[in-house]
PDB file of N, CA and C in Angstrom:
ATOM      1  N   MET A   1       0.670  -0.757   0.494  1.00  0.00           N
ATOM      2  CA  MET A   1       0.376  -0.166   0.132  1.00  0.00           C
ATOM      3  C   MET A   1       1.112   1.037  -0.135  1.00  0.00           C
ATOM      4  N   GLU A   2       0.811   2.523  -0.563  1.00  0.00           N
ATOM      5  CA  GLU A   2       1.694   3.049  -0.897  1.00  0.00           C
ATOM      6  C   GLU A   2       0.963   4.310  -0.714  1.00  0.00           C
ATOM      7  N   LYS A   3       1.897   5.559   0.453  1.00  0.00           N
ATOM      8  CA  LYS A   3       1.350   6.550   1.418  1.00  0.00           C
ATOM      9  C   LYS A   3       1.512   7.958   0.521  1.00  0.00           C
ATOM     10  N   LYS A   4       0.387   8.477   1.108  1.00  0.00           N
ATOM     11  CA  LYS A   4       0.597   9.283   0.850  1.00  0.00           C
ATOM     12  C   LYS A   4       1.327  10.656   1.412  1.00  0.00           C
ATOM     13  N   LEU A   5       1.754  11.626   1.567  1.00  0.00           N
ATOM     14  CA  LEU A   5       2.495  12.473   1.876  1.00  0.00           C
ATOM     15  C   LEU A   5       1.097  13.075   3.256  1.00  0.00           C
ATOM     16  N   SER A   6       0.459  13.129   2.774  1.00  0.00           N
ATOM     17  CA  SER A   6      -0.708  13.592   3.886  1.00  0.00           C
ATOM     18  C   SER A   6      -1.679  12.188   5.154  1.00  0.00           C
ATOM     19  N   ASP A   7      -0.334  11.478   4.555  1.00  0.00           N
ATOM     20  CA  ASP A   7      -1.053  10.435   5.480  1.00  0.00           C
ATOM     21  C   ASP A   7      -0.301  10.598   6.618  1.00  0.00           C
ATOM     22  N   LEU A   8       1.382  10.602   7.241  1.00  0.00           N
ATOM     23  CA  LEU A   8       2.873  11.143   7.723  1.00  0.00           C
ATOM     24  C   LEU A   8       2.690  11.919   8.395  1.00  0.00           C
ATOM     25  N   THR A   9       2.713  11.817   9.422  1.00  0.00           N
ATOM     26  CA  THR A   9       3.071  12.595  10.453  1.00  0.00           C
ATOM     27  C   THR A   9       4.404  12.830  10.452  1.00  0.00           C
ATOM     28  N   VAL A  10       4.803  14.999  11.348  1.00  0.00           N
ATOM     29  CA  VAL A  10       5.467  15.446  10.723  1.00  0.00           C
ATOM     30  C   VAL A  10       6.581  14.893  11.278  1.00  0.00           C
ATOM     31  N   VAL A  11       6.909  14.278  12.032  1.00  0.00           N
ATOM     32  CA  VAL A  11       8.894  12.835  12.234  1.00  0.00           C
ATOM     33  C   VAL A  11       8.922  12.382  11.331  1.00  0.00           C
ATOM     34  N   GLU A  12       7.684  11.400  10.732  1.00  0.00           N
ATOM     35  CA  GLU A  12       7.751  10.961   9.315  1.00  0.00           C
ATOM     36  C   GLU A  12       9.065  11.285   8.494  1.00  0.00           C
ATOM     37  N   LEU A  13       7.943  12.736   7.393  1.00  0.00           N
ATOM     38  CA  LEU A  13       8.552  14.000   7.709  1.00  0.00           C
ATOM     39  C   LEU A  13       9.504  14.190   7.165  1.00  0.00           C
ATOM     40  N   LYS A  14       9.569  14.751   8.119  1.00  0.00           N
ATOM     41  CA  LYS A  14      11.217  14.978   8.825  1.00  0.00           C
ATOM     42  C   LYS A  14      12.747  13.947   8.608  1.00  0.00           C
ATOM     43  N   SER A  15      11.270  12.898   9.064  1.00  0.00           N
ATOM     44  CA  SER A  15      12.782  12.040   7.962  1.00  0.00           C
ATOM     45  C   SER A  15      13.128  12.181   6.973  1.00  0.00           C
ATOM     46  N   LEU A  16      12.051  11.890   6.861  1.00  0.00           N
ATOM     47  CA  LEU A  16      11.979  11.584   5.179  1.00  0.00           C
ATOM     48  C   LEU A  16      13.294  12.341   4.699  1.00  0.00           C
ATOM     49  N   ALA A  17      13.027  13.528   4.751  1.00  0.00           N
ATOM     50  CA  ALA A  17      13.836  15.323   4.744  1.00  0.00           C
ATOM     51  C   ALA A  17      15.107  15.051   4.560  1.00  0.00           C
ATOM     52  N   TYR A  18      15.043  13.995   6.102  1.00  0.00           N
ATOM     53  CA  TYR A  18      16.689  14.528   6.085  1.00  0.00           C
ATOM     54  C   TYR A  18      17.541  12.609   5.139  1.00  0.00           C
ATOM     55  N   ASP A  19      16.613  11.737   4.788  1.00  0.00           N
ATOM     56  CA  ASP A  19      17.035  10.935   4.142  1.00  0.00           C
ATOM     57  C   ASP A  19      17.851  10.800   2.900  1.00  0.00           C
ATOM     58  N   GLU A  20      16.297  12.299   2.290  1.00  0.00           N
ATOM     59  CA  GLU A  20      16.860  13.684   1.189  1.00  0.00           C
ATOM     60  C   GLU A  20      17.566  14.235   1.377  1.00  0.00           C
ATOM     61  N   LEU A  21      18.350  14.617   2.410  1.00  0.00           N
ATOM     62  CA  LEU A  21      20.087  15.487   2.860  1.00  0.00           C
ATOM     63  C   LEU A  21      20.891  14.780   2.827  1.00  0.00           C
ATOM     64  N   ALA A  22      20.759  13.486   3.284  1.00  0.00           N
ATOM     65  CA  ALA A  22      21.556  12.520   3.219  1.00  0.00           C
ATOM     66  C   ALA A  22      21.888  12.059   1.983  1.00  0.00           C
ATOM     67  N   ARG A  23      20.932  12.014   0.954  1.00  0.00           N
ATOM     68  CA  ARG A  23      21.790  11.383  -0.384  1.00  0.00           C
ATOM     69  C   ARG A  23      21.989  12.516  -1.050  1.00  0.00           C
ATOM     70  N   LEU A  24      21.459  13.636  -1.383  1.00  0.00           N
ATOM     71  CA  LEU A  24      22.110  14.815  -1.928  1.00  0.00           C
ATOM     72  C   LEU A  24      23.364  14.496  -1.656  1.00  0.00           C
ATOM     73  N   GLU A  25      24.663  15.297  -0.624  1.00  0.00           N
ATOM     74  CA  GLU A  25      25.402  15.568  -0.114  1.00  0.00           C
ATOM     75  C   GLU A  25      25.710  14.245  -0.401  1.00  0.00           C
ATOM     76  N   ALA A  26      25.520  13.193  -0.642  1.00  0.00           N
ATOM     77  CA  ALA A  26      25.873  12.031  -1.230  1.00  0.00           C
ATOM     78  C   ALA A  26      26.418  11.876  -2.723  1.00  0.00           C
ATOM     79  N   ALA A  27      25.596  13.241  -3.752  1.00  0.00           N
ATOM     80  CA  ALA A  27      25.438  12.984  -4.830  1.00  0.00           C
ATOM     81  C   ALA A  27      26.823  14.378  -4.913  1.00  0.00           C
ATOM     82  N   GLN A  28      26.525  15.359  -3.824  1.00  0.00           N
ATOM     83  CA  GLN A  28      27.448  16.310  -3.765  1.00  0.00           C
ATOM     84  C   GLN A  28      28.863  15.649  -4.381  1.00  0.00           C
ATOM     85  N   SER A  29      29.203  15.625  -3.674  1.00  0.00           N
ATOM     86  CA  SER A  29      30.575  15.284  -2.881  1.00  0.00           C
ATOM     87  C   SER A  29      31.143  13.752  -4.086  1.00  0.00           C
ATOM     88  N   ASN A  30      29.895  13.169  -4.717  1.00  0.00           N
ATOM     89  CA  ASN A  30      30.592  12.183  -5.844  1.00  0.00           C
ATOM     90  C   ASN A  30      30.374  12.442  -7.118  1.00  0.00           C
ATOM     91  N   LEU A  31      29.898  13.625  -7.404  1.00  0.00           N
ATOM     92  CA  LEU A  31      30.258  15.351  -8.494  1.00  0.00           C
ATOM     93  C   LEU A  31      31.753  15.504  -7.888  1.00  0.00           C
ATOM     94  N   ARG A  32      31.888  16.327  -6.945  1.00  0.00           N
ATOM     95  CA  ARG A  32      33.104  16.924  -6.709  1.00  0.00           C
ATOM     96  C   ARG A  32      34.000  16.011  -7.082  1.00  0.00           C
ATOM     97  N   ILE A  33      33.887  14.888  -6.877  1.00  0.00           N
ATOM     98  CA  ILE A  33      35.381  13.534  -6.997  1.00  0.00           C
ATOM     99  C   ILE A  33      34.750  13.425  -8.039  1.00  0.00           C
ATOM    100  N   LEU A  34      34.410  13.592  -8.992  1.00  0.00           N
ATOM    101  CA  LEU A  34      34.627  13.007 -11.131  1.00  0.00           C
ATOM    102  C   LEU A  34      34.897  13.752 -11.573  1.00  0.00           C
ATOM    103  N   ASN A  35      34.401  15.073 -10.948  1.00  0.00           N
ATOM    104  CA  ASN A  35      34.479  16.941 -11.569  1.00  0.00           C
ATOM    105  C   ASN A  35      36.444  16.827 -10.742  1.00  0.00           C
ATOM    106  N   GLN A  36      36.764  16.855 -10.061  1.00  0.00           N
ATOM    107  CA  GLN A  36      38.112  17.053  -9.492  1.00  0.00           C
ATOM    108  C   GLN A  36      39.100  15.507 -11.533  1.00  0.00           C
ATOM    109  N   GLU A  37      38.481  14.472 -11.872  1.00  0.00           N
ATOM    110  CA  GLU A  37      39.595  13.806 -11.497  1.00  0.00           C
ATOM    111  C   GLU A  37      39.279  13.977 -13.094  1.00  0.00           C
ATOM    112  N   ILE A  38      37.869  14.364 -13.791  1.00  0.00           N
ATOM    113  CA  ILE A  38      38.153  15.110 -15.334  1.00  0.00           C
ATOM    114  C   ILE A  38      38.888  16.472 -15.027  1.00  0.00           C
ATOM    115  N   ALA A  39      39.307  17.405 -14.580  1.00  0.00           N
ATOM    116  CA  ALA A  39      39.999  18.229 -14.298  1.00  0.00           C
ATOM    117  C   ALA A  39      41.558  17.136 -14.714  1.00  0.00           C
ATOM    118  N   ASN A  40      41.544  16.547 -13.375  1.00  0.00           N
ATOM    119  CA  ASN A  40      42.988  16.391 -13.573  1.00  0.00           C
ATOM    120  C   ASN A  40      43.235  15.508 -14.874  1.00  0.00           C
ATOM    121  N   ARG A  41      42.489  15.424 -15.110  1.00  0.00           N
ATOM    122  CA  ARG A  41      42.645  13.940 -17.190  1.00  0.00           C
ATOM    123  C   ARG A  41      42.763  15.321 -18.149  1.00  0.00           C
ATOM    124  N   VAL A  42      42.164  15.989 -17.602  1.00  0.00           N
ATOM    125  CA  VAL A  42      42.265  16.843 -18.693  1.00  0.00           C
ATOM    126  C   VAL A  42      43.223  18.140 -18.988  1.00  0.00           C
ATOM    127  N   GLN A  43      43.653  17.951 -17.496  1.00  0.00           N
ATOM    128  CA  GLN A  43      45.079  19.094 -17.308  1.00  0.00           C
ATOM    129  C   GLN A  43      45.782  18.020 -17.395  1.00  0.00           C
ATOM    130  N   GLN A  44      45.973  16.442 -17.218  1.00  0.00           N
ATOM    131  CA  GLN A  44      47.649  15.823 -18.155  1.00  0.00           C
ATOM    132  C   GLN A  44      47.688  15.552 -20.029  1.00  0.00           C
ATOM    133  N   ALA A  45      46.757  15.694 -19.659  1.00  0.00           N
ATOM    134  CA  ALA A  45      46.504  15.577 -21.206  1.00  0.00           C
ATOM    135  C   ALA A  45      47.113  17.446 -22.478  1.00  0.00           C
ATOM    136  N   GLN A  46      46.532  17.896 -21.458  1.00  0.00           N
ATOM    137  CA  GLN A  46      46.979  19.540 -22.401  1.00  0.00           C
ATOM    138  C   GLN A  46      48.409  19.504 -22.224  1.00  0.00           C
ATOM    139  N   GLN A  47      49.003  19.078 -20.791  1.00  0.00           N
ATOM    140  CA  GLN A  47      50.127  19.155 -20.588  1.00  0.00           C
ATOM    141  C   GLN A  47      51.239  17.866 -21.471  1.00  0.00           C
ATOM    142  N   GLY A  48      50.828  16.733 -21.596  1.00  0.00           N
ATOM    143  CA  GLY A  48      51.663  15.339 -22.340  1.00  0.00           C
ATOM    144  C   GLY A  48      50.834  15.403 -24.366  1.00  0.00           C
ATOM    145  N   GLY A  49      49.838  16.584 -24.368  1.00  0.00           N
ATOM    146  CA  GLY A  49      49.783  16.733 -26.030  1.00  0.00           C
ATOM    147  C   GLY A  49      48.788  14.988 -26.005  1.00  0.00           C
ATOM    148  N   LEU A  50      48.116  14.779 -24.855  1.00  0.00           N
ATOM    149  CA  LEU A  50      47.811  13.541 -25.335  1.00  0.00           C
ATOM    150  C   LEU A  50      46.678  13.438 -25.997  1.00  0.00           C
ATOM    151  N   THR A  51      46.113  11.935 -26.466  1.00  0.00           N
ATOM    152  CA  THR A  51      44.170  12.493 -27.135  1.00  0.00           C
ATOM    153  C   THR A  51      43.927  10.522 -26.906  1.00  0.00           C
ATOM    154  N   ALA A  52      44.987   9.800 -25.815  1.00  0.00           N
ATOM    155  CA  ALA A  52      44.242   8.626 -25.495  1.00  0.00           C
ATOM    156  C   ALA A  52      43.899   9.259 -24.157  1.00  0.00           C
ATOM    157  N   PRO A  53      42.876   8.240 -23.591  1.00  0.00           N
ATOM    158  CA  PRO A  53      42.009   8.112 -22.030  1.00  0.00           C
ATOM    159  C   PRO A  53      43.666   8.491 -21.488  1.00  0.00           C
ATOM    160  N   VAL A  54      43.318   9.451 -19.976  1.00  0.00           N
ATOM    161  CA  VAL A  54      45.089   9.457 -19.294  1.00  0.00           C
ATOM    162  C   VAL A  54      44.315   8.584 -17.985  1.00  0.00           C
ATOM    163  N   GLU A  55      45.143   7.696 -17.512  1.00  0.00           N
ATOM    164  CA  GLU A  55      44.778   6.556 -16.547  1.00  0.00           C
ATOM    165  C   GLU A  55      45.213   7.578 -15.403  1.00  0.00           C
ATOM    166  N   ALA A  56      44.263   7.371 -14.307  1.00  0.00           N
ATOM    167  CA  ALA A  56      44.723   7.521 -12.639  1.00  0.00           C
ATOM    168  C   ALA A  56      44.870   6.923 -12.207  1.00  0.00           C
ATOM    169  N   SER A  57      46.284   7.650 -11.420  1.00  0.00           N
ATOM    170  CA  SER A  57      46.962   7.132 -10.022  1.00  0.00           C
ATOM    171  C   SER A  57      46.600   6.443  -8.878  1.00  0.00           C
ATOM    172  N   PRO A  58      46.695   5.966  -9.074  1.00  0.00           N
ATOM    173  CA  PRO A  58      45.849   4.895  -7.610  1.00  0.00           C
ATOM    174  C   PRO A  58      46.062   6.640  -6.218  1.00  0.00           C
ATOM    175  N   SER A  59      46.888   7.255  -6.370  1.00  0.00           N
ATOM    176  CA  SER A  59      46.804   7.611  -5.041  1.00  0.00           C
ATOM    177  C   SER A  59      45.380   9.090  -4.829  1.00  0.00           C
ATOM    178  N   SER A  60      45.388   9.390  -6.619  1.00  0.00           N
ATOM    179  CA  SER A  60      44.674  10.506  -7.079  1.00  0.00           C
ATOM    180  C   SER A  60      43.252  10.153  -7.081  1.00  0.00           C
ATOM    181  N   ALA A  61      43.783   9.034  -7.192  1.00  0.00           N
ATOM    182  CA  ALA A  61      41.813   7.963  -7.718  1.00  0.00           C
ATOM    183  C   ALA A  61      40.875   8.442  -5.823  1.00  0.00           C
ATOM    184  N   GLY A  62      39.747   8.701  -6.558  1.00  0.00           N
ATOM    185  CA  GLY A  62      38.296   8.826  -5.918  1.00  0.00           C
ATOM    186  C   GLY A  62      37.803   7.907  -5.608  1.00  0.00           C
ATOM    187  N   SER A  63      36.913   7.522  -4.364  1.00  0.00           N
ATOM    188  CA  SER A  63      35.950   6.947  -4.104  1.00  0.00           C
ATOM    189  C   SER A  63      34.651   7.195  -3.865  1.00  0.00           C
ATOM    190  N   ILE A  64      33.596   6.656  -4.821  1.00  0.00           N
ATOM    191  CA  ILE A  64      32.532   7.451  -5.135  1.00  0.00           C
ATOM    192  C   ILE A  64      31.367   5.853  -4.691  1.00  0.00           C
ATOM    193  N   SER A  65      30.263   6.754  -3.697  1.00  0.00           N
ATOM    194  CA  SER A  65      29.296   5.596  -3.754  1.00  0.00           C
ATOM    195  C   SER A  65      28.123   5.642  -4.682  1.00  0.00           C
ATOM    196  N   LEU A  66      27.850   4.738  -5.110  1.00  0.00           N
ATOM    197  CA  LEU A  66      26.824   4.069  -5.761  1.00  0.00           C
ATOM    198  C   LEU A  66      25.146   3.759  -4.890  1.00  0.00           C
TER     199      LEU A  66
END
């Protein structure tokens, strides 16, 4: 059975909002990591004149949660 927002208590609504905020923060963190990796690769390609994808070094590789 599907619940409607109007059926939820204020505490349940706050709980859902908190869960959504946690997902949003995780997504923002993932985007920062991805954008940094993209910037690193573009910079490496520009410095070396490379056209092939550049492998990230293990020390600079970030970890994202999917």
